[in-house]
ModelCIF file with pLDDT and N, C-alpha, C, O atoms, coordinates in Angstrom:
data_MODEL
#
_entry.id   MODEL 
#
_entity.id                         1 
_entity.type                       polymer 
_entity.pdbx_number_of_molecules   1 
#
_entity_poly.entity_id                      1 
_entity_poly.type                           'polypeptide(L)' 
_entity_poly.nstd_linkage                   no 
_entity_poly.nstd_monomer                   no 
_entity_poly.pdbx_seq_one_letter_code       
;(UNK)(UNK)(UNK)(UNK)(UNK)(UNK)(UNK)(UNK)(UNK)(UNK)(UNK)(UNK)(UNK)(UNK)(UNK)(UNK)
(UNK)(UNK)(UNK)(UNK)(UNK)(UNK)(UNK)(UNK)(UNK)(UNK)(UNK)(UNK)(UNK)(UNK)(UNK)(UNK)
(UNK)(UNK)(UNK)(UNK)(UNK)(UNK)(UNK)(UNK)(UNK)(UNK)(UNK)(UNK)(UNK)(UNK)(UNK)
;
_entity_poly.pdbx_seq_one_letter_code_can   XXXXXXXXXXXXXXXXXXXXXXXXXXXXXXXXXXXXXXXXXXXXXXX 
_entity_poly.pdbx_strand_id                 A 
#
loop_
_entity_poly_seq.entity_id 
_entity_poly_seq.num 
_entity_poly_seq.mon_id 
_entity_poly_seq.hetero 
1 1  UNK n 
1 2  UNK n 
1 3  UNK n 
1 4  UNK n 
1 5  UNK n 
1 6  UNK n 
1 7  UNK n 
1 8  UNK n 
1 9  UNK n 
1 10 UNK n 
1 11 UNK n 
1 12 UNK n 
1 13 UNK n 
1 14 UNK n 
1 15 UNK n 
1 16 UNK n 
1 17 UNK n 
1 18 UNK n 
1 19 UNK n 
1 20 UNK n 
1 21 UNK n 
1 22 UNK n 
1 23 UNK n 
1 24 UNK n 
1 25 UNK n 
1 26 UNK n 
1 27 UNK n 
1 28 UNK n 
1 29 UNK n 
1 30 UNK n 
1 31 UNK n 
1 32 UNK n 
1 33 UNK n 
1 34 UNK n 
1 35 UNK n 
1 36 UNK n 
1 37 UNK n 
1 38 UNK n 
1 39 UNK n 
1 40 UNK n 
1 41 UNK n 
1 42 UNK n 
1 43 UNK n 
1 44 UNK n 
1 45 UNK n 
1 46 UNK n 
1 47 UNK n 
#
_struct_asym.id          A 
_struct_asym.entity_id   1 
#
loop_
_ma_qa_metric.id 
_ma_qa_metric.mode 
_ma_qa_metric.name 
_ma_qa_metric.software_group_id 
_ma_qa_metric.type 
1 global pLDDT . pLDDT 
2 local  pLDDT . pLDDT 
#
_ma_qa_metric_global.metric_id      1 
_ma_qa_metric_global.metric_value   94.68 
_ma_qa_metric_global.model_id       1 
_ma_qa_metric_global.ordinal_id     1 
#
loop_
_ma_qa_metric_local.label_asym_id 
_ma_qa_metric_local.label_comp_id 
_ma_qa_metric_local.label_seq_id 
_ma_qa_metric_local.metric_id 
_ma_qa_metric_local.metric_value 
_ma_qa_metric_local.model_id 
_ma_qa_metric_local.ordinal_id 
A UNK 1  2 83.00 1 1  
A UNK 2  2 94.00 1 2  
A UNK 3  2 97.00 1 3  
A UNK 4  2 98.00 1 4  
A UNK 5  2 98.00 1 5  
A UNK 6  2 98.00 1 6  
A UNK 7  2 98.00 1 7  
A UNK 8  2 97.00 1 8  
A UNK 9  2 98.00 1 9  
A UNK 10 2 97.00 1 10 
A UNK 11 2 98.00 1 11 
A UNK 12 2 98.00 1 12 
A UNK 13 2 98.00 1 13 
A UNK 14 2 98.00 1 14 
A UNK 15 2 97.00 1 15 
A UNK 16 2 95.00 1 16 
A UNK 17 2 91.00 1 17 
A UNK 18 2 89.00 1 18 
A UNK 19 2 79.00 1 19 
A UNK 20 2 82.00 1 20 
A UNK 21 2 84.00 1 21 
A UNK 22 2 86.00 1 22 
A UNK 23 2 92.00 1 23 
A UNK 24 2 94.00 1 24 
A UNK 25 2 96.00 1 25 
A UNK 26 2 98.00 1 26 
A UNK 27 2 98.00 1 27 
A UNK 28 2 98.00 1 28 
A UNK 29 2 98.00 1 29 
A UNK 30 2 98.00 1 30 
A UNK 31 2 98.00 1 31 
A UNK 32 2 98.00 1 32 
A UNK 33 2 98.00 1 33 
A UNK 34 2 97.00 1 34 
A UNK 35 2 98.00 1 35 
A UNK 36 2 98.00 1 36 
A UNK 37 2 98.00 1 37 
A UNK 38 2 98.00 1 38 
A UNK 39 2 98.00 1 39 
A UNK 40 2 98.00 1 40 
A UNK 41 2 97.00 1 41 
A UNK 42 2 96.00 1 42 
A UNK 43 2 94.00 1 43 
A UNK 44 2 93.00 1 44 
A UNK 45 2 90.00 1 45 
A UNK 46 2 89.00 1 46 
A UNK 47 2 87.00 1 47 
#
loop_
_atom_site.group_PDB 
_atom_site.id 
_atom_site.type_symbol 
_atom_site.label_atom_id 
_atom_site.label_alt_id 
_atom_site.label_comp_id 
_atom_site.label_asym_id 
_atom_site.label_entity_id 
_atom_site.label_seq_id 
_atom_site.pdbx_PDB_ins_code 
_atom_site.Cartn_x 
_atom_site.Cartn_y 
_atom_site.Cartn_z 
_atom_site.occupancy 
_atom_site.B_iso_or_equiv 
_atom_site.pdbx_formal_charge 
_atom_site.auth_seq_id 
_atom_site.auth_comp_id 
_atom_site.auth_asym_id 
_atom_site.auth_atom_id 
_atom_site.pdbx_PDB_model_num 
ATOM 1   N N  . UNK A 1 1  ? -1.898  162.717 170.854 1.00 83.00 ? 1  UNK A N  1 
ATOM 2   C CA . UNK A 1 1  ? -2.340  162.502 172.210 1.00 83.00 ? 1  UNK A CA 1 
ATOM 3   C C  . UNK A 1 1  ? -3.835  162.596 172.407 1.00 83.00 ? 1  UNK A C  1 
ATOM 4   O O  . UNK A 1 1  ? -4.309  162.629 173.542 1.00 83.00 ? 1  UNK A O  1 
ATOM 5   N N  . UNK A 1 2  ? -4.592  162.640 171.313 1.00 94.00 ? 2  UNK A N  1 
ATOM 6   C CA . UNK A 1 2  ? -6.042  162.674 171.430 1.00 94.00 ? 2  UNK A CA 1 
ATOM 7   C C  . UNK A 1 2  ? -6.531  161.430 172.144 1.00 94.00 ? 2  UNK A C  1 
ATOM 8   O O  . UNK A 1 2  ? -6.026  160.331 171.914 1.00 94.00 ? 2  UNK A O  1 
ATOM 9   N N  . UNK A 1 3  ? -7.510  161.605 173.006 1.00 97.00 ? 3  UNK A N  1 
ATOM 10  C CA . UNK A 1 3  ? -8.021  160.494 173.800 1.00 97.00 ? 3  UNK A CA 1 
ATOM 11  C C  . UNK A 1 3  ? -9.511  160.309 173.595 1.00 97.00 ? 3  UNK A C  1 
ATOM 12  O O  . UNK A 1 3  ? -10.225 161.223 173.182 1.00 97.00 ? 3  UNK A O  1 
ATOM 13  N N  . UNK A 1 4  ? -9.955  159.110 173.892 1.00 98.00 ? 4  UNK A N  1 
ATOM 14  C CA . UNK A 1 4  ? -11.361 158.750 173.866 1.00 98.00 ? 4  UNK A CA 1 
ATOM 15  C C  . UNK A 1 4  ? -11.668 157.946 175.119 1.00 98.00 ? 4  UNK A C  1 
ATOM 16  O O  . UNK A 1 4  ? -10.848 157.154 175.584 1.00 98.00 ? 4  UNK A O  1 
ATOM 17  N N  . UNK A 1 5  ? -12.876 158.163 175.664 1.00 98.00 ? 5  UNK A N  1 
ATOM 18  C CA . UNK A 1 5  ? -13.310 157.426 176.838 1.00 98.00 ? 5  UNK A CA 1 
ATOM 19  C C  . UNK A 1 5  ? -14.737 156.941 176.667 1.00 98.00 ? 5  UNK A C  1 
ATOM 20  O O  . UNK A 1 5  ? -15.577 157.620 176.076 1.00 98.00 ? 5  UNK A O  1 
ATOM 21  N N  . UNK A 1 6  ? -14.991 155.776 177.186 1.00 98.00 ? 6  UNK A N  1 
ATOM 22  C CA . UNK A 1 6  ? -16.363 155.313 177.280 1.00 98.00 ? 6  UNK A CA 1 
ATOM 23  C C  . UNK A 1 6  ? -17.125 156.229 178.232 1.00 98.00 ? 6  UNK A C  1 
ATOM 24  O O  . UNK A 1 6  ? -16.568 156.730 179.210 1.00 98.00 ? 6  UNK A O  1 
ATOM 25  N N  . UNK A 1 7  ? -18.393 156.437 177.935 1.00 98.00 ? 7  UNK A N  1 
ATOM 26  C CA . UNK A 1 7  ? -19.184 157.327 178.765 1.00 98.00 ? 7  UNK A CA 1 
ATOM 27  C C  . UNK A 1 7  ? -19.231 156.908 180.225 1.00 98.00 ? 7  UNK A C  1 
ATOM 28  O O  . UNK A 1 7  ? -19.345 157.753 181.113 1.00 98.00 ? 7  UNK A O  1 
ATOM 29  N N  . UNK A 1 8  ? -19.146 155.622 180.474 1.00 97.00 ? 8  UNK A N  1 
ATOM 30  C CA . UNK A 1 8  ? -19.242 155.116 181.831 1.00 97.00 ? 8  UNK A CA 1 
ATOM 31  C C  . UNK A 1 8  ? -18.026 155.441 182.690 1.00 97.00 ? 8  UNK A C  1 
ATOM 32  O O  . UNK A 1 8  ? -18.095 155.358 183.917 1.00 97.00 ? 8  UNK A O  1 
ATOM 33  N N  . UNK A 1 9  ? -16.911 155.812 182.055 1.00 98.00 ? 9  UNK A N  1 
ATOM 34  C CA . UNK A 1 9  ? -15.690 156.080 182.811 1.00 98.00 ? 9  UNK A CA 1 
ATOM 35  C C  . UNK A 1 9  ? -15.196 157.514 182.657 1.00 98.00 ? 9  UNK A C  1 
ATOM 36  O O  . UNK A 1 9  ? -14.291 157.935 183.377 1.00 98.00 ? 9  UNK A O  1 
ATOM 37  N N  . UNK A 1 10 ? -15.773 158.257 181.738 1.00 97.00 ? 10 UNK A N  1 
ATOM 38  C CA . UNK A 1 10 ? -15.322 159.620 181.497 1.00 97.00 ? 10 UNK A CA 1 
ATOM 39  C C  . UNK A 1 10 ? -15.437 160.450 182.770 1.00 97.00 ? 10 UNK A C  1 
ATOM 40  O O  . UNK A 1 10 ? -16.463 160.430 183.451 1.00 97.00 ? 10 UNK A O  1 
ATOM 41  N N  . UNK A 1 11 ? -14.374 161.174 183.076 1.00 98.00 ? 11 UNK A N  1 
ATOM 42  C CA . UNK A 1 11 ? -14.322 161.963 184.288 1.00 98.00 ? 11 UNK A CA 1 
ATOM 43  C C  . UNK A 1 11 ? -13.729 161.223 185.468 1.00 98.00 ? 11 UNK A C  1 
ATOM 44  O O  . UNK A 1 11 ? -13.364 161.840 186.470 1.00 98.00 ? 11 UNK A O  1 
ATOM 45  N N  . UNK A 1 12 ? -13.628 159.908 185.362 1.00 98.00 ? 12 UNK A N  1 
ATOM 46  C CA . UNK A 1 12 ? -13.053 159.098 186.436 1.00 98.00 ? 12 UNK A CA 1 
ATOM 47  C C  . UNK A 1 12 ? -11.735 158.447 186.031 1.00 98.00 ? 12 UNK A C  1 
ATOM 48  O O  . UNK A 1 12 ? -10.842 158.279 186.861 1.00 98.00 ? 12 UNK A O  1 
ATOM 49  N N  . UNK A 1 13 ? -11.612 158.080 184.759 1.00 98.00 ? 13 UNK A N  1 
ATOM 50  C CA . UNK A 1 13 ? -10.417 157.407 184.256 1.00 98.00 ? 13 UNK A CA 1 
ATOM 51  C C  . UNK A 1 13 ? -9.632  158.350 183.362 1.00 98.00 ? 13 UNK A C  1 
ATOM 52  O O  . UNK A 1 13 ? -10.209 159.210 182.696 1.00 98.00 ? 13 UNK A O  1 
ATOM 53  N N  . UNK A 1 14 ? -8.322  158.190 183.348 1.00 98.00 ? 14 UNK A N  1 
ATOM 54  C CA . UNK A 1 14 ? -7.456  158.966 182.469 1.00 98.00 ? 14 UNK A CA 1 
ATOM 55  C C  . UNK A 1 14 ? -6.441  158.048 181.815 1.00 98.00 ? 14 UNK A C  1 
ATOM 56  O O  . UNK A 1 14 ? -5.712  157.326 182.496 1.00 98.00 ? 14 UNK A O  1 
ATOM 57  N N  . UNK A 1 15 ? -6.395  158.078 180.485 1.00 97.00 ? 15 UNK A N  1 
ATOM 58  C CA . UNK A 1 15 ? -5.397  157.319 179.754 1.00 97.00 ? 15 UNK A CA 1 
ATOM 59  C C  . UNK A 1 15 ? -4.245  158.258 179.408 1.00 97.00 ? 15 UNK A C  1 
ATOM 60  O O  . UNK A 1 15 ? -4.465  159.415 179.051 1.00 97.00 ? 15 UNK A O  1 
ATOM 61  N N  . UNK A 1 16 ? -3.038  157.762 179.514 1.00 95.00 ? 16 UNK A N  1 
ATOM 62  C CA . UNK A 1 16 ? -1.863  158.555 179.196 1.00 95.00 ? 16 UNK A CA 1 
ATOM 63  C C  . UNK A 1 16 ? -0.774  157.633 178.676 1.00 95.00 ? 16 UNK A C  1 
ATOM 64  O O  . UNK A 1 16 ? -0.892  156.410 178.753 1.00 95.00 ? 16 UNK A O  1 
ATOM 65  N N  . UNK A 1 17 ? 0.281   158.225 178.149 1.00 91.00 ? 17 UNK A N  1 
ATOM 66  C CA . UNK A 1 17 ? 1.382   157.419 177.632 1.00 91.00 ? 17 UNK A CA 1 
ATOM 67  C C  . UNK A 1 17 ? 2.722   158.074 177.905 1.00 91.00 ? 17 UNK A C  1 
ATOM 68  O O  . UNK A 1 17 ? 2.827   159.294 178.030 1.00 91.00 ? 17 UNK A O  1 
ATOM 69  N N  . UNK A 1 18 ? 3.732   157.244 177.994 1.00 89.00 ? 18 UNK A N  1 
ATOM 70  C CA . UNK A 1 18 ? 5.107   157.677 178.133 1.00 89.00 ? 18 UNK A CA 1 
ATOM 71  C C  . UNK A 1 18 ? 5.834   157.087 176.938 1.00 89.00 ? 18 UNK A C  1 
ATOM 72  O O  . UNK A 1 18 ? 6.202   155.913 176.943 1.00 89.00 ? 18 UNK A O  1 
ATOM 73  N N  . UNK A 1 19 ? 6.038   157.901 175.919 1.00 79.00 ? 19 UNK A N  1 
ATOM 74  C CA . UNK A 1 19 ? 6.623   157.412 174.675 1.00 79.00 ? 19 UNK A CA 1 
ATOM 75  C C  . UNK A 1 19 ? 8.041   156.880 174.870 1.00 79.00 ? 19 UNK A C  1 
ATOM 76  O O  . UNK A 1 19 ? 8.429   155.899 174.237 1.00 79.00 ? 19 UNK A O  1 
ATOM 77  N N  . UNK A 1 20 ? 8.807   157.519 175.736 1.00 82.00 ? 20 UNK A N  1 
ATOM 78  C CA . UNK A 1 20 ? 10.177  157.089 175.972 1.00 82.00 ? 20 UNK A CA 1 
ATOM 79  C C  . UNK A 1 20 ? 10.219  155.670 176.532 1.00 82.00 ? 20 UNK A C  1 
ATOM 80  O O  . UNK A 1 20 ? 11.140  154.907 176.239 1.00 82.00 ? 20 UNK A O  1 
ATOM 81  N N  . UNK A 1 21 ? 9.228   155.326 177.332 1.00 84.00 ? 21 UNK A N  1 
ATOM 82  C CA . UNK A 1 21 ? 9.158   153.994 177.921 1.00 84.00 ? 21 UNK A CA 1 
ATOM 83  C C  . UNK A 1 21 ? 8.263   153.057 177.130 1.00 84.00 ? 21 UNK A C  1 
ATOM 84  O O  . UNK A 1 21 ? 8.161   151.872 177.444 1.00 84.00 ? 21 UNK A O  1 
ATOM 85  N N  . UNK A 1 22 ? 7.611   153.595 176.094 1.00 86.00 ? 22 UNK A N  1 
ATOM 86  C CA . UNK A 1 22 ? 6.658   152.822 175.296 1.00 86.00 ? 22 UNK A CA 1 
ATOM 87  C C  . UNK A 1 22 ? 5.626   152.154 176.201 1.00 86.00 ? 22 UNK A C  1 
ATOM 88  O O  . UNK A 1 22 ? 5.365   150.954 176.112 1.00 86.00 ? 22 UNK A O  1 
ATOM 89  N N  . UNK A 1 23 ? 5.060   152.965 177.058 1.00 92.00 ? 23 UNK A N  1 
ATOM 90  C CA . UNK A 1 23 ? 4.121   152.484 178.057 1.00 92.00 ? 23 UNK A CA 1 
ATOM 91  C C  . UNK A 1 23 ? 2.866   153.340 178.044 1.00 92.00 ? 23 UNK A C  1 
ATOM 92  O O  . UNK A 1 23 ? 2.935   154.559 177.886 1.00 92.00 ? 23 UNK A O  1 
ATOM 93  N N  . UNK A 1 24 ? 1.732   152.703 178.210 1.00 94.00 ? 24 UNK A N  1 
ATOM 94  C CA . UNK A 1 24 ? 0.465   153.399 178.330 1.00 94.00 ? 24 UNK A CA 1 
ATOM 95  C C  . UNK A 1 24 ? -0.115  153.101 179.708 1.00 94.00 ? 24 UNK A C  1 
ATOM 96  O O  . UNK A 1 24 ? 0.067   152.009 180.247 1.00 94.00 ? 24 UNK A O  1 
ATOM 97  N N  . UNK A 1 25 ? -0.812  154.082 180.271 1.00 96.00 ? 25 UNK A N  1 
ATOM 98  C CA . UNK A 1 25 ? -1.358  153.965 181.608 1.00 96.00 ? 25 UNK A CA 1 
ATOM 99  C C  . UNK A 1 25 ? -2.855  154.204 181.605 1.00 96.00 ? 25 UNK A C  1 
ATOM 100 O O  . UNK A 1 25 ? -3.397  154.863 180.717 1.00 96.00 ? 25 UNK A O  1 
ATOM 101 N N  . UNK A 1 26 ? -3.502  153.664 182.600 1.00 98.00 ? 26 UNK A N  1 
ATOM 102 C CA . UNK A 1 26 ? -4.904  153.966 182.850 1.00 98.00 ? 26 UNK A CA 1 
ATOM 103 C C  . UNK A 1 26 ? -5.046  154.279 184.326 1.00 98.00 ? 26 UNK A C  1 
ATOM 104 O O  . UNK A 1 26 ? -5.033  153.381 185.168 1.00 98.00 ? 26 UNK A O  1 
ATOM 105 N N  . UNK A 1 27 ? -5.181  155.562 184.633 1.00 98.00 ? 27 UNK A N  1 
ATOM 106 C CA . UNK A 1 27 ? -5.400  155.996 186.000 1.00 98.00 ? 27 UNK A CA 1 
ATOM 107 C C  . UNK A 1 27 ? -6.890  155.966 186.275 1.00 98.00 ? 27 UNK A C  1 
ATOM 108 O O  . UNK A 1 27 ? -7.666  156.614 185.573 1.00 98.00 ? 27 UNK A O  1 
ATOM 109 N N  . UNK A 1 28 ? -7.296  155.221 187.288 1.00 98.00 ? 28 UNK A N  1 
ATOM 110 C CA . UNK A 1 28 ? -8.698  155.035 187.602 1.00 98.00 ? 28 UNK A CA 1 
ATOM 111 C C  . UNK A 1 28 ? -8.990  155.594 188.990 1.00 98.00 ? 28 UNK A C  1 
ATOM 112 O O  . UNK A 1 28 ? -8.357  155.203 189.970 1.00 98.00 ? 28 UNK A O  1 
ATOM 113 N N  . UNK A 1 29 ? -9.947  156.504 189.064 1.00 98.00 ? 29 UNK A N  1 
ATOM 114 C CA . UNK A 1 29 ? -10.395 157.085 190.315 1.00 98.00 ? 29 UNK A CA 1 
ATOM 115 C C  . UNK A 1 29 ? -11.881 156.818 190.508 1.00 98.00 ? 29 UNK A C  1 
ATOM 116 O O  . UNK A 1 29 ? -12.595 156.467 189.568 1.00 98.00 ? 29 UNK A O  1 
ATOM 117 N N  . UNK A 1 30 ? -12.325 156.990 191.735 1.00 98.00 ? 30 UNK A N  1 
ATOM 118 C CA . UNK A 1 30 ? -13.742 156.831 192.072 1.00 98.00 ? 30 UNK A CA 1 
ATOM 119 C C  . UNK A 1 30 ? -14.294 155.518 191.541 1.00 98.00 ? 30 UNK A C  1 
ATOM 120 O O  . UNK A 1 30 ? -15.362 155.482 190.929 1.00 98.00 ? 30 UNK A O  1 
ATOM 121 N N  . UNK A 1 31 ? -13.568 154.459 191.776 1.00 98.00 ? 31 UNK A N  1 
ATOM 122 C CA . UNK A 1 31 ? -13.948 153.159 191.242 1.00 98.00 ? 31 UNK A CA 1 
ATOM 123 C C  . UNK A 1 31 ? -15.270 152.677 191.829 1.00 98.00 ? 31 UNK A C  1 
ATOM 124 O O  . UNK A 1 31 ? -15.579 152.907 192.999 1.00 98.00 ? 31 UNK A O  1 
ATOM 125 N N  . UNK A 1 32 ? -16.028 152.008 190.985 1.00 98.00 ? 32 UNK A N  1 
ATOM 126 C CA . UNK A 1 32 ? -17.330 151.471 191.341 1.00 98.00 ? 32 UNK A CA 1 
ATOM 127 C C  . UNK A 1 32 ? -17.320 149.961 191.178 1.00 98.00 ? 32 UNK A C  1 
ATOM 128 O O  . UNK A 1 32 ? -16.500 149.429 190.430 1.00 98.00 ? 32 UNK A O  1 
ATOM 129 N N  . UNK A 1 33 ? -18.216 149.258 191.865 1.00 98.00 ? 33 UNK A N  1 
ATOM 130 C CA . UNK A 1 33 ? -18.293 147.805 191.669 1.00 98.00 ? 33 UNK A CA 1 
ATOM 131 C C  . UNK A 1 33 ? -18.506 147.431 190.201 1.00 98.00 ? 33 UNK A C  1 
ATOM 132 O O  . UNK A 1 33 ? -18.043 146.379 189.762 1.00 98.00 ? 33 UNK A O  1 
ATOM 133 N N  . UNK A 1 34 ? -19.191 148.267 189.446 1.00 97.00 ? 34 UNK A N  1 
ATOM 134 C CA . UNK A 1 34 ? -19.428 148.010 188.035 1.00 97.00 ? 34 UNK A CA 1 
ATOM 135 C C  . UNK A 1 34 ? -18.149 148.031 187.209 1.00 97.00 ? 34 UNK A C  1 
ATOM 136 O O  . UNK A 1 34 ? -18.145 147.569 186.068 1.00 97.00 ? 34 UNK A O  1 
ATOM 137 N N  . UNK A 1 35 ? -17.072 148.556 187.766 1.00 98.00 ? 35 UNK A N  1 
ATOM 138 C CA . UNK A 1 35 ? -15.791 148.581 187.068 1.00 98.00 ? 35 UNK A CA 1 
ATOM 139 C C  . UNK A 1 35 ? -15.038 147.264 187.192 1.00 98.00 ? 35 UNK A C  1 
ATOM 140 O O  . UNK A 1 35 ? -14.003 147.080 186.552 1.00 98.00 ? 35 UNK A O  1 
ATOM 141 N N  . UNK A 1 36 ? -15.540 146.361 187.997 1.00 98.00 ? 36 UNK A N  1 
ATOM 142 C CA . UNK A 1 36 ? -14.887 145.071 188.187 1.00 98.00 ? 36 UNK A CA 1 
ATOM 143 C C  . UNK A 1 36 ? -14.824 144.315 186.867 1.00 98.00 ? 36 UNK A C  1 
ATOM 144 O O  . UNK A 1 36 ? -15.851 144.072 186.233 1.00 98.00 ? 36 UNK A O  1 
ATOM 145 N N  . UNK A 1 37 ? -13.624 143.946 186.461 1.00 98.00 ? 37 UNK A N  1 
ATOM 146 C CA . UNK A 1 37 ? -13.429 143.260 185.189 1.00 98.00 ? 37 UNK A CA 1 
ATOM 147 C C  . UNK A 1 37 ? -11.958 142.923 185.018 1.00 98.00 ? 37 UNK A C  1 
ATOM 148 O O  . UNK A 1 37 ? -11.104 143.386 185.774 1.00 98.00 ? 37 UNK A O  1 
ATOM 149 N N  . UNK A 1 38 ? -11.681 142.110 184.013 1.00 98.00 ? 38 UNK A N  1 
ATOM 150 C CA . UNK A 1 38 ? -10.325 141.939 183.546 1.00 98.00 ? 38 UNK A CA 1 
ATOM 151 C C  . UNK A 1 38 ? -10.045 143.074 182.567 1.00 98.00 ? 38 UNK A C  1 
ATOM 152 O O  . UNK A 1 38 ? -10.813 143.296 181.631 1.00 98.00 ? 38 UNK A O  1 
ATOM 153 N N  . UNK A 1 39 ? -8.957  143.781 182.783 1.00 98.00 ? 39 UNK A N  1 
ATOM 154 C CA . UNK A 1 39 ? -8.599  144.905 181.936 1.00 98.00 ? 39 UNK A CA 1 
ATOM 155 C C  . UNK A 1 39 ? -7.459  144.521 181.008 1.00 98.00 ? 39 UNK A C  1 
ATOM 156 O O  . UNK A 1 39 ? -6.453  143.958 181.440 1.00 98.00 ? 39 UNK A O  1 
ATOM 157 N N  . UNK A 1 40 ? -7.627  144.830 179.728 1.00 98.00 ? 40 UNK A N  1 
ATOM 158 C CA . UNK A 1 40 ? -6.660  144.492 178.701 1.00 98.00 ? 40 UNK A CA 1 
ATOM 159 C C  . UNK A 1 40 ? -6.185  145.746 177.988 1.00 98.00 ? 40 UNK A C  1 
ATOM 160 O O  . UNK A 1 40 ? -6.972  146.659 177.742 1.00 98.00 ? 40 UNK A O  1 
ATOM 161 N N  . UNK A 1 41 ? -4.910  145.794 177.658 1.00 97.00 ? 41 UNK A N  1 
ATOM 162 C CA . UNK A 1 41 ? -4.428  146.842 176.769 1.00 97.00 ? 41 UNK A CA 1 
ATOM 163 C C  . UNK A 1 41 ? -4.285  146.274 175.370 1.00 97.00 ? 41 UNK A C  1 
ATOM 164 O O  . UNK A 1 41 ? -4.088  145.072 175.192 1.00 97.00 ? 41 UNK A O  1 
ATOM 165 N N  . UNK A 1 42 ? -4.383  147.142 174.384 1.00 96.00 ? 42 UNK A N  1 
ATOM 166 C CA . UNK A 1 42 ? -4.383  146.729 172.994 1.00 96.00 ? 42 UNK A CA 1 
ATOM 167 C C  . UNK A 1 42 ? -3.593  147.710 172.139 1.00 96.00 ? 42 UNK A C  1 
ATOM 168 O O  . UNK A 1 42 ? -3.426  148.875 172.498 1.00 96.00 ? 42 UNK A O  1 
ATOM 169 N N  . UNK A 1 43 ? -3.115  147.224 171.015 1.00 94.00 ? 43 UNK A N  1 
ATOM 170 C CA . UNK A 1 43 ? -2.220  147.966 170.126 1.00 94.00 ? 43 UNK A CA 1 
ATOM 171 C C  . UNK A 1 43 ? -2.660  147.855 168.675 1.00 94.00 ? 43 UNK A C  1 
ATOM 172 O O  . UNK A 1 43 ? -3.121  146.807 168.223 1.00 94.00 ? 43 UNK A O  1 
ATOM 173 N N  . UNK A 1 44 ? -2.508  148.952 167.963 1.00 93.00 ? 44 UNK A N  1 
ATOM 174 C CA . UNK A 1 44 ? -2.672  148.945 166.514 1.00 93.00 ? 44 UNK A CA 1 
ATOM 175 C C  . UNK A 1 44 ? -1.652  149.889 165.910 1.00 93.00 ? 44 UNK A C  1 
ATOM 176 O O  . UNK A 1 44 ? -1.491  151.009 166.394 1.00 93.00 ? 44 UNK A O  1 
ATOM 177 N N  . UNK A 1 45 ? -0.958  149.465 164.863 1.00 90.00 ? 45 UNK A N  1 
ATOM 178 C CA . UNK A 1 45 ? 0.045   150.292 164.218 1.00 90.00 ? 45 UNK A CA 1 
ATOM 179 C C  . UNK A 1 45 ? -0.537  151.169 163.115 1.00 90.00 ? 45 UNK A C  1 
ATOM 180 O O  . UNK A 1 45 ? -0.281  152.372 163.080 1.00 90.00 ? 45 UNK A O  1 
ATOM 181 N N  . UNK A 1 46 ? -1.304  150.586 162.231 1.00 89.00 ? 46 UNK A N  1 
ATOM 182 C CA . UNK A 1 46 ? -1.760  151.272 161.030 1.00 89.00 ? 46 UNK A CA 1 
ATOM 183 C C  . UNK A 1 46 ? -2.888  152.252 161.323 1.00 89.00 ? 46 UNK A C  1 
ATOM 184 O O  . UNK A 1 46 ? -3.696  152.053 162.230 1.00 89.00 ? 46 UNK A O  1 
ATOM 185 N N  . UNK A 1 47 ? -2.916  153.315 160.528 1.00 87.00 ? 47 UNK A N  1 
ATOM 186 C CA . UNK A 1 47 ? -3.940  154.325 160.637 1.00 87.00 ? 47 UNK A CA 1 
ATOM 187 C C  . UNK A 1 47 ? -5.318  153.704 160.419 1.00 87.00 ? 47 UNK A C  1 
ATOM 188 O O  . UNK A 1 47 ? -6.327  154.407 160.473 1.00 87.00 ? 47 UNK A O  1 
#
């Protein structure tokens, strides 16, 4: 469950996962105009 955040979002965004549902979330608070973008999720299996 170790997490990493870009400096621009640390303290405002939280990534989490629900393994049973195989779902990952991104909770975003205190949104700024600079956060405007297309957001993509990504996957990697191998270490």
